[in-house]
N, C-alpha and C. Protein backbone atom coordinates (compact mmCIF):
# COMPACT_ATOMS: atom_id res chain seq x y z
N MET A 1 31.25 -6.26 18.75
CA MET A 1 30.40 -5.14 18.34
C MET A 1 30.47 -4.12 19.37
N ALA A 2 30.51 -2.89 19.15
CA ALA A 2 30.63 -1.78 20.12
C ALA A 2 29.25 -1.83 20.75
N ILE A 3 29.23 -1.29 22.06
CA ILE A 3 28.10 -1.10 22.96
C ILE A 3 27.07 -0.20 22.22
N LYS A 4 27.47 0.81 21.58
CA LYS A 4 26.50 1.82 21.08
C LYS A 4 25.96 1.16 19.85
N GLU A 5 26.55 0.24 19.01
CA GLU A 5 26.00 -0.40 17.83
C GLU A 5 24.92 -1.42 18.34
N ARG A 6 25.45 -2.31 19.48
CA ARG A 6 24.53 -3.19 20.02
C ARG A 6 23.13 -2.62 20.56
N LYS A 7 23.22 -1.49 21.18
CA LYS A 7 21.92 -0.81 21.66
C LYS A 7 21.27 -0.42 20.48
N GLU A 8 21.75 0.18 19.52
CA GLU A 8 20.90 0.56 18.29
C GLU A 8 20.32 -0.61 17.66
N ARG A 9 20.97 -1.77 17.58
CA ARG A 9 20.50 -2.95 16.99
C ARG A 9 19.28 -3.47 17.75
N GLU A 10 19.45 -3.41 19.17
CA GLU A 10 18.30 -3.87 20.07
C GLU A 10 17.14 -2.97 19.94
N LYS A 11 17.32 -1.75 19.79
CA LYS A 11 16.17 -0.82 19.62
C LYS A 11 15.44 -0.94 18.35
N GLN A 12 16.22 -1.24 17.32
CA GLN A 12 15.54 -1.58 16.10
C GLN A 12 14.80 -2.93 16.14
N ASP A 13 15.33 -3.87 16.83
CA ASP A 13 14.77 -5.14 16.95
C ASP A 13 13.39 -4.95 17.67
N MET A 14 13.45 -4.23 18.70
CA MET A 14 12.35 -3.99 19.40
C MET A 14 11.11 -3.27 18.60
N ARG A 15 11.58 -2.30 17.82
CA ARG A 15 10.64 -1.62 16.98
C ARG A 15 9.98 -2.70 16.05
N ASN A 16 10.88 -3.47 15.40
CA ASN A 16 10.31 -4.46 14.47
C ASN A 16 9.35 -5.40 15.16
N LEU A 17 9.61 -5.68 16.40
CA LEU A 17 8.79 -6.71 17.12
C LEU A 17 7.49 -6.04 17.32
N ILE A 18 7.40 -4.75 17.78
CA ILE A 18 6.16 -3.96 17.95
C ILE A 18 5.36 -4.00 16.65
N ILE A 19 6.05 -3.63 15.57
CA ILE A 19 5.38 -3.47 14.15
C ILE A 19 4.72 -4.72 13.76
N GLU A 20 5.46 -5.90 13.95
CA GLU A 20 5.07 -7.15 13.49
C GLU A 20 3.93 -7.67 14.29
N SER A 21 3.96 -7.37 15.54
CA SER A 21 2.80 -7.77 16.38
C SER A 21 1.59 -6.93 16.18
N ALA A 22 1.74 -5.58 15.99
CA ALA A 22 0.68 -4.61 15.73
C ALA A 22 -0.05 -5.06 14.41
N THR A 23 0.68 -5.33 13.48
CA THR A 23 0.26 -5.64 12.10
C THR A 23 -0.82 -6.92 12.24
N GLN A 24 -0.29 -7.85 12.92
CA GLN A 24 -1.16 -9.05 13.02
C GLN A 24 -2.28 -8.78 13.92
N LEU A 25 -2.23 -7.92 15.01
CA LEU A 25 -3.35 -7.70 15.80
C LEU A 25 -4.34 -6.84 15.10
N PHE A 26 -3.92 -5.87 14.30
CA PHE A 26 -4.83 -5.03 13.49
C PHE A 26 -5.67 -5.89 12.51
N LEU A 27 -5.04 -6.77 11.96
CA LEU A 27 -5.61 -7.61 10.95
C LEU A 27 -6.64 -8.48 11.79
N LYS A 28 -6.26 -9.11 12.91
CA LYS A 28 -7.11 -10.00 13.59
C LYS A 28 -8.15 -9.40 14.18
N LEU A 29 -7.99 -8.23 15.08
CA LEU A 29 -8.90 -7.66 15.78
C LEU A 29 -9.60 -6.39 15.27
N GLY A 30 -9.03 -5.81 14.31
CA GLY A 30 -9.39 -4.50 13.73
C GLY A 30 -8.66 -3.45 14.46
N TYR A 31 -8.82 -2.23 13.92
CA TYR A 31 -8.03 -1.16 14.58
C TYR A 31 -8.56 -0.82 15.93
N ASP A 32 -9.84 -0.58 16.03
CA ASP A 32 -10.52 -0.10 17.25
C ASP A 32 -10.22 -1.06 18.38
N LYS A 33 -10.20 -2.42 18.29
CA LYS A 33 -10.07 -3.29 19.38
C LYS A 33 -8.70 -3.66 19.51
N THR A 34 -7.69 -3.01 18.75
CA THR A 34 -6.34 -3.30 19.11
C THR A 34 -5.81 -2.07 20.02
N SER A 35 -5.20 -2.21 21.13
CA SER A 35 -4.80 -1.26 21.99
C SER A 35 -3.34 -1.47 22.22
N ILE A 36 -2.65 -0.32 22.79
CA ILE A 36 -1.26 -0.59 23.28
C ILE A 36 -1.10 -1.76 24.16
N ARG A 37 -2.15 -2.00 25.01
CA ARG A 37 -2.11 -2.95 26.17
C ARG A 37 -2.12 -4.28 25.37
N THR A 38 -2.97 -4.52 24.40
CA THR A 38 -3.05 -5.81 23.60
C THR A 38 -1.81 -6.17 22.95
N ILE A 39 -1.11 -5.05 22.31
CA ILE A 39 0.25 -5.23 21.84
C ILE A 39 1.23 -5.61 22.83
N ALA A 40 1.24 -4.96 23.87
CA ALA A 40 2.21 -5.17 24.91
C ALA A 40 2.07 -6.61 25.45
N GLU A 41 0.83 -7.06 25.65
CA GLU A 41 0.51 -8.40 26.07
C GLU A 41 1.16 -9.52 25.04
N ASP A 42 0.83 -9.09 23.73
CA ASP A 42 1.22 -10.06 22.74
C ASP A 42 2.79 -10.30 22.63
N ILE A 43 3.50 -9.18 22.93
CA ILE A 43 5.02 -9.40 22.88
C ILE A 43 5.57 -9.56 24.26
N GLU A 44 4.81 -9.64 25.24
CA GLU A 44 5.21 -9.98 26.68
C GLU A 44 6.11 -8.85 27.25
N TYR A 45 5.66 -7.57 27.00
CA TYR A 45 6.30 -6.46 27.52
C TYR A 45 5.33 -5.56 28.14
N SER A 46 5.82 -4.64 28.95
CA SER A 46 4.78 -3.76 29.61
C SER A 46 4.35 -2.53 28.49
N PRO A 47 3.08 -2.06 28.70
CA PRO A 47 2.79 -0.95 27.78
C PRO A 47 3.82 0.26 27.78
N ALA A 48 4.36 0.43 28.93
CA ALA A 48 5.41 1.54 29.15
C ALA A 48 6.61 1.32 28.05
N THR A 49 6.97 0.08 27.98
CA THR A 49 7.90 -0.06 27.02
C THR A 49 7.69 0.20 25.56
N ILE A 50 6.39 0.03 25.17
CA ILE A 50 6.06 0.46 23.76
C ILE A 50 6.12 1.96 23.70
N TYR A 51 5.63 2.66 24.75
CA TYR A 51 5.74 4.04 24.63
C TYR A 51 7.04 4.63 24.57
N LEU A 52 7.98 3.85 24.88
CA LEU A 52 9.49 4.39 24.73
C LEU A 52 9.81 4.38 23.17
N TYR A 53 9.00 3.71 22.44
CA TYR A 53 9.39 3.66 20.88
C TYR A 53 8.27 4.48 20.06
N PHE A 54 6.94 4.52 20.52
CA PHE A 54 5.90 5.19 19.78
C PHE A 54 4.95 5.84 20.71
N LYS A 55 4.55 7.07 20.28
CA LYS A 55 3.77 7.88 21.23
C LYS A 55 2.42 7.28 21.34
N ASP A 56 1.78 6.74 20.39
CA ASP A 56 0.49 6.10 20.47
C ASP A 56 0.15 5.13 19.34
N LYS A 57 -0.93 4.54 19.39
CA LYS A 57 -1.36 3.52 18.40
C LYS A 57 -1.34 4.11 16.85
N ASP A 58 -1.75 5.34 16.82
CA ASP A 58 -1.70 5.87 15.35
C ASP A 58 -0.35 5.94 14.91
N GLU A 59 0.62 6.22 15.76
CA GLU A 59 2.06 6.31 15.19
C GLU A 59 2.47 4.88 14.73
N ILE A 60 2.07 3.89 15.41
CA ILE A 60 2.44 2.59 14.99
C ILE A 60 1.82 2.17 13.61
N PHE A 61 0.42 2.58 13.54
CA PHE A 61 -0.24 2.28 12.30
C PHE A 61 0.38 3.12 11.09
N PHE A 62 0.77 4.31 11.28
CA PHE A 62 1.44 5.24 10.33
C PHE A 62 2.76 4.47 9.97
N GLU A 63 3.48 3.97 10.83
CA GLU A 63 4.70 3.29 10.39
C GLU A 63 4.49 2.04 9.50
N ILE A 64 3.42 1.19 9.88
CA ILE A 64 3.11 0.21 9.02
C ILE A 64 2.72 0.65 7.69
N HIS A 65 1.91 1.74 7.60
CA HIS A 65 1.51 2.32 6.16
C HIS A 65 2.79 2.70 5.57
N GLU A 66 3.72 3.19 6.20
CA GLU A 66 5.03 3.72 5.54
C GLU A 66 5.86 2.53 4.93
N ASN A 67 5.82 1.56 5.67
CA ASN A 67 6.68 0.29 5.25
C ASN A 67 5.92 -0.27 4.07
N ALA A 68 4.52 -0.46 4.08
CA ALA A 68 3.93 -1.02 2.99
C ALA A 68 4.03 -0.16 1.70
N PHE A 69 3.86 1.19 1.73
CA PHE A 69 3.88 2.01 0.58
C PHE A 69 5.31 2.08 0.07
N SER A 70 6.25 1.89 1.02
CA SER A 70 7.66 1.92 0.59
C SER A 70 7.96 0.67 -0.40
N ILE A 71 7.34 -0.32 -0.08
CA ILE A 71 7.63 -1.73 -0.82
C ILE A 71 6.97 -1.40 -2.18
N LEU A 72 5.72 -0.89 -2.11
CA LEU A 72 5.00 -0.64 -3.35
C LEU A 72 5.76 0.32 -4.40
N GLU A 73 6.24 1.38 -3.79
CA GLU A 73 6.95 2.46 -4.47
C GLU A 73 8.16 1.73 -5.20
N LYS A 74 8.98 0.92 -4.45
CA LYS A 74 10.12 0.33 -5.07
C LYS A 74 9.79 -0.63 -6.16
N LEU A 75 8.59 -1.39 -6.05
CA LEU A 75 8.08 -2.10 -7.23
C LEU A 75 7.79 -1.28 -8.41
N PHE A 76 7.07 -0.13 -8.13
CA PHE A 76 6.79 0.78 -9.24
C PHE A 76 8.09 1.24 -9.90
N ARG A 77 9.12 1.69 -9.17
CA ARG A 77 10.37 2.22 -9.65
C ARG A 77 11.01 1.26 -10.43
N ALA A 78 10.74 -0.04 -10.34
CA ALA A 78 11.45 -1.00 -11.19
C ALA A 78 11.19 -0.92 -12.66
N HIS A 79 10.16 -0.18 -13.02
CA HIS A 79 9.61 0.17 -14.36
C HIS A 79 10.25 1.36 -14.94
N ASP A 80 11.10 1.92 -14.29
CA ASP A 80 11.90 3.25 -14.85
C ASP A 80 12.47 2.96 -16.25
N VAL A 81 12.90 1.68 -16.29
CA VAL A 81 13.55 1.30 -17.57
C VAL A 81 12.65 1.38 -18.84
N ILE A 82 11.28 1.28 -18.72
CA ILE A 82 10.49 1.36 -19.82
C ILE A 82 10.26 2.76 -20.38
N GLU A 83 10.68 3.11 -21.45
CA GLU A 83 10.67 4.37 -22.04
C GLU A 83 9.41 4.88 -22.41
N ASN A 84 8.60 4.07 -23.09
CA ASN A 84 7.11 4.52 -23.48
C ASN A 84 6.32 4.61 -22.21
N PRO A 85 5.74 5.91 -21.88
CA PRO A 85 5.06 6.05 -20.67
C PRO A 85 3.68 5.35 -20.52
N PHE A 86 3.07 5.03 -21.70
CA PHE A 86 1.93 4.31 -21.62
C PHE A 86 2.35 2.79 -21.28
N GLU A 87 3.21 2.27 -21.81
CA GLU A 87 3.69 0.96 -21.55
C GLU A 87 4.13 0.69 -20.05
N ARG A 88 4.78 1.85 -19.52
CA ARG A 88 5.06 1.91 -18.20
C ARG A 88 3.94 1.89 -17.24
N LEU A 89 2.87 2.76 -17.75
CA LEU A 89 1.61 2.73 -16.92
C LEU A 89 0.91 1.38 -16.75
N ALA A 90 0.96 0.62 -17.91
CA ALA A 90 0.45 -0.77 -17.89
C ALA A 90 1.16 -1.56 -17.02
N ALA A 91 2.51 -1.52 -17.11
CA ALA A 91 3.31 -2.29 -16.16
C ALA A 91 3.13 -2.01 -14.76
N VAL A 92 2.93 -0.65 -14.33
CA VAL A 92 2.62 -0.25 -12.94
C VAL A 92 1.27 -0.74 -12.60
N GLY A 93 0.36 -0.85 -13.54
CA GLY A 93 -1.04 -1.44 -13.19
C GLY A 93 -0.90 -2.88 -12.89
N ARG A 94 -0.22 -3.72 -13.57
CA ARG A 94 -0.01 -5.03 -13.26
C ARG A 94 0.65 -5.28 -11.98
N THR A 95 1.62 -4.43 -11.80
CA THR A 95 2.42 -4.62 -10.54
C THR A 95 1.41 -4.27 -9.30
N TYR A 96 0.61 -3.13 -9.50
CA TYR A 96 -0.29 -2.96 -8.37
C TYR A 96 -1.22 -4.15 -7.94
N VAL A 97 -1.83 -4.66 -9.09
CA VAL A 97 -2.70 -5.75 -9.01
C VAL A 97 -1.88 -7.04 -8.35
N GLN A 98 -0.63 -7.23 -8.77
CA GLN A 98 0.04 -8.37 -8.34
C GLN A 98 0.43 -8.08 -6.91
N PHE A 99 0.68 -6.89 -6.51
CA PHE A 99 1.03 -6.54 -5.13
C PHE A 99 -0.11 -6.97 -4.21
N ALA A 100 -1.27 -6.45 -4.59
CA ALA A 100 -2.40 -6.81 -3.73
C ALA A 100 -2.65 -8.44 -3.78
N PHE A 101 -2.40 -9.11 -4.87
CA PHE A 101 -2.48 -10.61 -4.79
C PHE A 101 -1.42 -11.19 -3.75
N ASP A 102 -0.20 -10.62 -3.84
CA ASP A 102 0.90 -11.21 -3.02
C ASP A 102 0.83 -10.80 -1.53
N ASN A 103 0.26 -9.61 -1.37
CA ASN A 103 0.13 -9.10 -0.03
C ASN A 103 -1.14 -8.69 0.56
N PRO A 104 -2.09 -9.59 0.44
CA PRO A 104 -3.45 -9.19 0.75
C PRO A 104 -3.62 -8.48 2.16
N ASP A 105 -2.82 -9.00 3.11
CA ASP A 105 -2.99 -8.27 4.53
C ASP A 105 -2.43 -6.87 4.53
N TYR A 106 -1.35 -6.67 3.92
CA TYR A 106 -0.85 -5.29 3.79
C TYR A 106 -1.72 -4.37 3.01
N TYR A 107 -2.24 -5.06 2.00
CA TYR A 107 -3.30 -4.15 1.18
C TYR A 107 -4.44 -3.68 1.96
N ASP A 108 -4.95 -4.63 2.82
CA ASP A 108 -6.09 -4.39 3.47
C ASP A 108 -5.79 -3.34 4.55
N LEU A 109 -4.60 -3.38 5.12
CA LEU A 109 -4.20 -2.23 6.13
C LEU A 109 -4.09 -0.98 5.40
N MET A 110 -3.47 -0.88 4.10
CA MET A 110 -3.17 0.22 3.46
C MET A 110 -4.47 0.92 2.93
N PHE A 111 -5.33 0.07 2.40
CA PHE A 111 -6.50 0.65 1.64
C PHE A 111 -7.89 0.40 2.11
N ILE A 112 -8.11 -0.59 2.92
CA ILE A 112 -9.57 -0.99 3.13
C ILE A 112 -9.93 -0.72 4.65
N MET A 113 -8.97 -1.14 5.51
CA MET A 113 -9.35 -1.14 6.99
C MET A 113 -9.66 0.32 7.45
N ARG A 114 -10.77 0.32 8.05
CA ARG A 114 -11.26 1.61 8.63
C ARG A 114 -10.25 1.99 9.92
N ALA A 115 -9.55 3.17 9.68
CA ALA A 115 -8.66 3.50 10.74
C ALA A 115 -8.57 5.14 10.68
N PRO A 116 -8.23 5.69 11.70
CA PRO A 116 -8.09 7.18 11.73
C PRO A 116 -6.78 7.52 10.95
N MET A 117 -6.94 8.48 10.12
CA MET A 117 -5.80 8.97 9.26
C MET A 117 -5.15 10.21 9.79
N SER A 118 -5.34 10.45 11.15
CA SER A 118 -4.86 11.72 11.63
C SER A 118 -3.32 11.89 11.66
N GLN A 119 -2.66 10.81 11.84
CA GLN A 119 -1.27 10.74 11.85
C GLN A 119 -0.71 11.19 10.35
N ILE A 120 -1.26 10.66 9.45
CA ILE A 120 -0.89 10.93 8.06
C ILE A 120 -1.27 12.37 7.86
N LYS A 121 -2.51 12.94 8.29
CA LYS A 121 -2.86 14.31 8.05
C LYS A 121 -1.88 15.32 8.78
N ASN A 122 -1.42 14.90 9.93
CA ASN A 122 -0.67 15.74 10.69
C ASN A 122 0.87 15.65 10.33
N ALA A 123 1.24 14.65 9.66
CA ALA A 123 2.62 14.49 9.17
C ALA A 123 3.08 15.50 8.20
N GLU A 124 4.31 16.04 8.46
CA GLU A 124 4.75 17.06 7.51
C GLU A 124 4.69 16.65 6.15
N LYS A 125 5.15 15.39 5.96
CA LYS A 125 5.12 14.74 4.59
C LYS A 125 4.85 13.23 4.77
N TRP A 126 3.97 12.81 3.78
CA TRP A 126 3.77 11.36 3.94
C TRP A 126 4.56 10.73 2.91
N ALA A 127 5.94 10.55 3.17
CA ALA A 127 6.88 10.24 2.14
C ALA A 127 6.52 9.14 1.21
N ALA A 128 6.38 7.83 1.76
CA ALA A 128 6.25 6.77 0.95
C ALA A 128 4.90 6.78 0.14
N GLY A 129 3.90 7.18 0.80
CA GLY A 129 2.58 7.34 0.16
C GLY A 129 2.60 8.25 -0.95
N ASP A 130 3.25 9.41 -0.68
CA ASP A 130 3.26 10.49 -1.67
C ASP A 130 4.16 9.96 -2.99
N CYS A 131 5.24 9.33 -2.64
CA CYS A 131 6.02 8.84 -3.69
C CYS A 131 5.34 7.74 -4.52
N ALA A 132 4.63 6.87 -4.03
CA ALA A 132 3.88 5.86 -4.71
C ALA A 132 2.84 6.59 -5.64
N PHE A 133 2.05 7.39 -5.09
CA PHE A 133 0.99 8.21 -5.91
C PHE A 133 1.73 9.05 -6.87
N GLY A 134 2.91 9.73 -6.56
CA GLY A 134 3.63 10.53 -7.38
C GLY A 134 4.05 9.87 -8.62
N TYR A 135 4.53 8.61 -8.39
CA TYR A 135 5.05 7.95 -9.54
C TYR A 135 3.95 7.61 -10.52
N VAL A 136 2.77 7.33 -10.22
CA VAL A 136 1.73 7.14 -11.12
C VAL A 136 1.32 8.40 -11.74
N LEU A 137 1.29 9.64 -10.89
CA LEU A 137 0.95 10.93 -11.40
C LEU A 137 2.05 11.19 -12.52
N GLU A 138 3.29 11.15 -12.26
CA GLU A 138 4.35 11.36 -13.21
C GLU A 138 4.28 10.63 -14.53
N THR A 139 3.90 9.40 -14.38
CA THR A 139 3.73 8.60 -15.59
C THR A 139 2.57 9.07 -16.39
N ILE A 140 1.51 9.30 -15.78
CA ILE A 140 0.25 9.71 -16.59
C ILE A 140 0.47 11.15 -17.23
N THR A 141 1.14 11.95 -16.36
CA THR A 141 1.58 13.32 -17.01
C THR A 141 2.33 13.08 -18.26
N ALA A 142 3.29 12.14 -18.25
CA ALA A 142 4.12 11.89 -19.44
C ALA A 142 3.26 11.42 -20.53
N CYS A 143 2.31 10.54 -20.23
CA CYS A 143 1.49 10.13 -21.40
C CYS A 143 0.54 11.15 -21.90
N LEU A 144 0.27 12.11 -21.09
CA LEU A 144 -0.59 13.28 -21.70
C LEU A 144 0.33 14.24 -22.47
N GLU A 145 1.36 14.34 -21.90
CA GLU A 145 2.24 15.30 -22.74
C GLU A 145 2.80 14.65 -24.18
N GLN A 146 2.85 13.38 -24.20
CA GLN A 146 3.20 12.67 -25.43
C GLN A 146 1.97 12.41 -26.28
N LYS A 147 0.76 12.79 -25.75
CA LYS A 147 -0.51 12.61 -26.33
C LYS A 147 -0.76 11.10 -26.71
N LEU A 148 -0.40 10.28 -25.68
CA LEU A 148 -0.59 8.98 -25.72
C LEU A 148 -1.96 8.45 -25.19
N ILE A 149 -2.56 9.31 -24.39
CA ILE A 149 -3.80 9.22 -23.92
C ILE A 149 -4.69 10.46 -24.09
N LYS A 150 -6.04 10.33 -24.05
CA LYS A 150 -6.94 11.58 -24.35
C LYS A 150 -6.70 12.64 -23.35
N PRO A 151 -6.75 13.82 -23.88
CA PRO A 151 -6.57 14.93 -23.12
C PRO A 151 -7.52 14.91 -21.91
N ALA A 152 -6.93 15.26 -20.59
CA ALA A 152 -7.79 15.31 -19.42
C ALA A 152 -6.96 15.86 -18.25
N ASP A 153 -7.54 16.17 -17.21
CA ASP A 153 -6.89 16.69 -16.07
C ASP A 153 -5.87 15.59 -15.51
N LYS A 154 -4.78 15.75 -15.20
CA LYS A 154 -3.88 14.70 -14.80
C LYS A 154 -4.13 14.15 -13.48
N PHE A 155 -4.68 14.95 -12.46
CA PHE A 155 -5.03 14.46 -11.24
C PHE A 155 -6.37 13.57 -11.30
N ILE A 156 -7.29 14.05 -12.13
CA ILE A 156 -8.53 13.21 -12.16
C ILE A 156 -8.12 12.03 -12.78
N THR A 157 -7.33 11.94 -13.93
CA THR A 157 -7.10 10.65 -14.58
C THR A 157 -6.26 9.83 -13.68
N THR A 158 -5.37 10.23 -12.74
CA THR A 158 -4.66 9.48 -12.02
C THR A 158 -5.56 8.83 -10.82
N ILE A 159 -6.33 9.56 -10.22
CA ILE A 159 -7.25 9.11 -9.28
C ILE A 159 -8.18 8.01 -9.85
N SER A 160 -8.59 8.45 -11.20
CA SER A 160 -9.51 7.45 -11.79
C SER A 160 -8.84 6.04 -12.04
N VAL A 161 -7.70 6.02 -12.56
CA VAL A 161 -6.87 4.95 -12.86
C VAL A 161 -6.72 4.03 -11.40
N TRP A 162 -6.30 4.81 -10.47
CA TRP A 162 -5.95 4.11 -9.15
C TRP A 162 -7.14 3.69 -8.54
N SER A 163 -8.22 4.28 -8.69
CA SER A 163 -9.61 3.95 -8.00
C SER A 163 -10.11 2.54 -8.82
N PHE A 164 -9.96 2.68 -10.11
CA PHE A 164 -10.47 1.47 -10.78
C PHE A 164 -9.68 0.26 -10.47
N ALA A 165 -8.34 0.30 -10.48
CA ALA A 165 -7.60 -0.80 -9.99
C ALA A 165 -7.86 -1.21 -8.56
N HIS A 166 -7.95 -0.21 -7.71
CA HIS A 166 -8.38 -0.52 -6.37
C HIS A 166 -9.63 -1.38 -6.20
N GLY A 167 -10.67 -0.89 -6.94
CA GLY A 167 -12.06 -1.49 -6.83
C GLY A 167 -11.85 -2.96 -7.27
N LEU A 168 -11.05 -3.21 -8.22
CA LEU A 168 -11.01 -4.68 -8.71
C LEU A 168 -10.39 -5.54 -7.68
N VAL A 169 -9.08 -5.03 -7.12
CA VAL A 169 -8.42 -5.83 -6.12
C VAL A 169 -9.21 -6.00 -4.80
N SER A 170 -10.00 -4.86 -4.42
CA SER A 170 -10.71 -4.91 -3.26
C SER A 170 -11.77 -5.85 -3.22
N LEU A 171 -12.53 -5.94 -4.37
CA LEU A 171 -13.45 -7.12 -4.56
C LEU A 171 -12.91 -8.40 -4.36
N TYR A 172 -11.56 -8.49 -5.00
CA TYR A 172 -11.01 -9.90 -4.94
C TYR A 172 -10.60 -10.24 -3.44
N ILE A 173 -9.89 -9.21 -2.88
CA ILE A 173 -9.31 -9.48 -1.51
C ILE A 173 -10.42 -9.84 -0.61
N ARG A 174 -11.60 -9.14 -0.70
CA ARG A 174 -12.65 -9.30 0.28
C ARG A 174 -13.65 -10.51 -0.11
N GLU A 175 -13.12 -11.24 -1.16
CA GLU A 175 -13.83 -12.52 -1.72
C GLU A 175 -15.05 -12.20 -2.21
N ARG A 176 -15.47 -11.06 -2.85
CA ARG A 176 -16.59 -10.82 -3.45
C ARG A 176 -16.76 -11.46 -4.84
N MET A 177 -15.48 -11.73 -5.46
CA MET A 177 -15.47 -12.35 -6.68
C MET A 177 -16.04 -13.77 -6.75
N CYS A 178 -16.27 -14.32 -5.76
CA CYS A 178 -16.76 -15.68 -5.62
C CYS A 178 -18.15 -15.83 -6.25
N ILE A 179 -18.70 -14.69 -6.55
CA ILE A 179 -20.03 -14.72 -7.20
C ILE A 179 -19.87 -15.29 -8.70
N LEU A 180 -18.56 -15.17 -9.18
CA LEU A 180 -18.20 -15.67 -10.54
C LEU A 180 -18.21 -17.12 -10.60
N GLN A 181 -17.90 -17.75 -9.42
CA GLN A 181 -17.77 -19.31 -9.39
C GLN A 181 -16.72 -19.87 -10.44
N MET A 182 -15.65 -19.22 -10.48
CA MET A 182 -14.50 -19.54 -11.37
C MET A 182 -13.28 -20.02 -10.58
N GLU A 183 -12.29 -20.58 -11.24
CA GLU A 183 -11.15 -20.88 -10.58
C GLU A 183 -10.45 -19.60 -10.28
N ASP A 184 -9.44 -19.65 -9.28
CA ASP A 184 -8.83 -18.46 -8.86
C ASP A 184 -7.98 -17.85 -9.97
N ASP A 185 -7.13 -18.71 -10.67
CA ASP A 185 -6.30 -18.09 -11.65
C ASP A 185 -7.03 -17.48 -12.79
N VAL A 186 -8.32 -18.01 -13.05
CA VAL A 186 -9.06 -17.30 -13.98
C VAL A 186 -9.61 -16.00 -13.64
N VAL A 187 -9.98 -16.01 -12.42
CA VAL A 187 -10.39 -14.63 -11.82
C VAL A 187 -9.16 -13.58 -11.92
N ARG A 188 -8.12 -14.02 -11.38
CA ARG A 188 -6.91 -13.06 -11.45
C ARG A 188 -6.68 -12.57 -12.84
N ALA A 189 -6.76 -13.56 -13.78
CA ALA A 189 -6.46 -13.12 -15.18
C ALA A 189 -7.48 -12.07 -15.58
N MET A 190 -8.73 -12.39 -15.22
CA MET A 190 -9.86 -11.45 -15.74
C MET A 190 -9.58 -10.09 -15.04
N LEU A 191 -9.17 -9.95 -13.80
CA LEU A 191 -8.83 -8.70 -13.26
C LEU A 191 -7.85 -7.94 -14.01
N ASN A 192 -6.78 -8.72 -14.35
CA ASN A 192 -5.61 -8.10 -15.22
C ASN A 192 -6.13 -7.54 -16.54
N THR A 193 -6.99 -8.35 -17.08
CA THR A 193 -7.51 -7.99 -18.51
C THR A 193 -8.54 -6.73 -18.29
N SER A 194 -9.27 -6.69 -17.26
CA SER A 194 -10.21 -5.73 -17.04
C SER A 194 -9.39 -4.37 -16.97
N LEU A 195 -8.29 -4.45 -16.21
CA LEU A 195 -7.44 -3.16 -16.03
C LEU A 195 -6.79 -2.80 -17.41
N GLU A 196 -6.38 -3.76 -18.07
CA GLU A 196 -5.78 -3.47 -19.61
C GLU A 196 -6.76 -2.83 -20.32
N ASN A 197 -8.03 -3.26 -20.32
CA ASN A 197 -9.04 -2.69 -21.11
C ASN A 197 -9.34 -1.29 -20.71
N TYR A 198 -9.38 -1.07 -19.58
CA TYR A 198 -9.66 0.27 -18.89
C TYR A 198 -8.60 1.17 -19.45
N LEU A 199 -7.33 0.71 -19.47
CA LEU A 199 -6.24 1.66 -19.82
C LEU A 199 -6.20 1.91 -21.43
N GLU A 200 -6.66 0.79 -22.13
CA GLU A 200 -6.75 0.95 -23.54
C GLU A 200 -7.76 2.07 -23.91
N ASN A 201 -8.83 2.07 -23.17
CA ASN A 201 -9.91 3.01 -23.58
C ASN A 201 -9.51 4.60 -23.28
N LEU A 202 -8.29 4.68 -22.57
CA LEU A 202 -7.79 6.06 -22.19
C LEU A 202 -6.93 6.55 -23.40
N LYS A 203 -6.56 5.56 -24.33
CA LYS A 203 -5.51 5.99 -25.43
C LYS A 203 -6.20 6.86 -26.47
N THR A 204 -5.41 7.56 -27.04
CA THR A 204 -5.91 8.52 -28.32
C THR A 204 -6.14 7.71 -29.54
């Protein structure tokens, strides 16, 4: 392997190490109690080394966000083959809920953990996040154009659908569904049915 390629691989390995450590520390300690120093101690490098790769903690958090939303968007795109936009919307909804079931830590970092959004606000384009939301928006727009759902503002409908799904999975991830005192698989099935019922009520 050429020296240039080896150095590039080492740089990427170090970035991955920092991201993996930061992800676990954010989840364990919370955003405010995680610092560049605690990340450095965890990976056994100096804080100065981390600053060679990221300008600050916000930038690390932003990259974790980007990675997570990129995974979610790819899962959404797998439904491109479904021609009927309402059926595609229902599939996207199920995927969203399953993503939260399969990646509760990521979901927490993406949507629940209190953390500054300054990096996202200052970024020229929040690529992965925009794409994931944009996919749902495009699908709902197609539903409206084909009169498959009741006439409404496409942005309000998109936010409403996303918020409904988010509320369901947030209650589950934060273990508030324990009030039901039911088996886990039963609760999961109820969440999916709840979302299906919500979407059915949108139909014309």
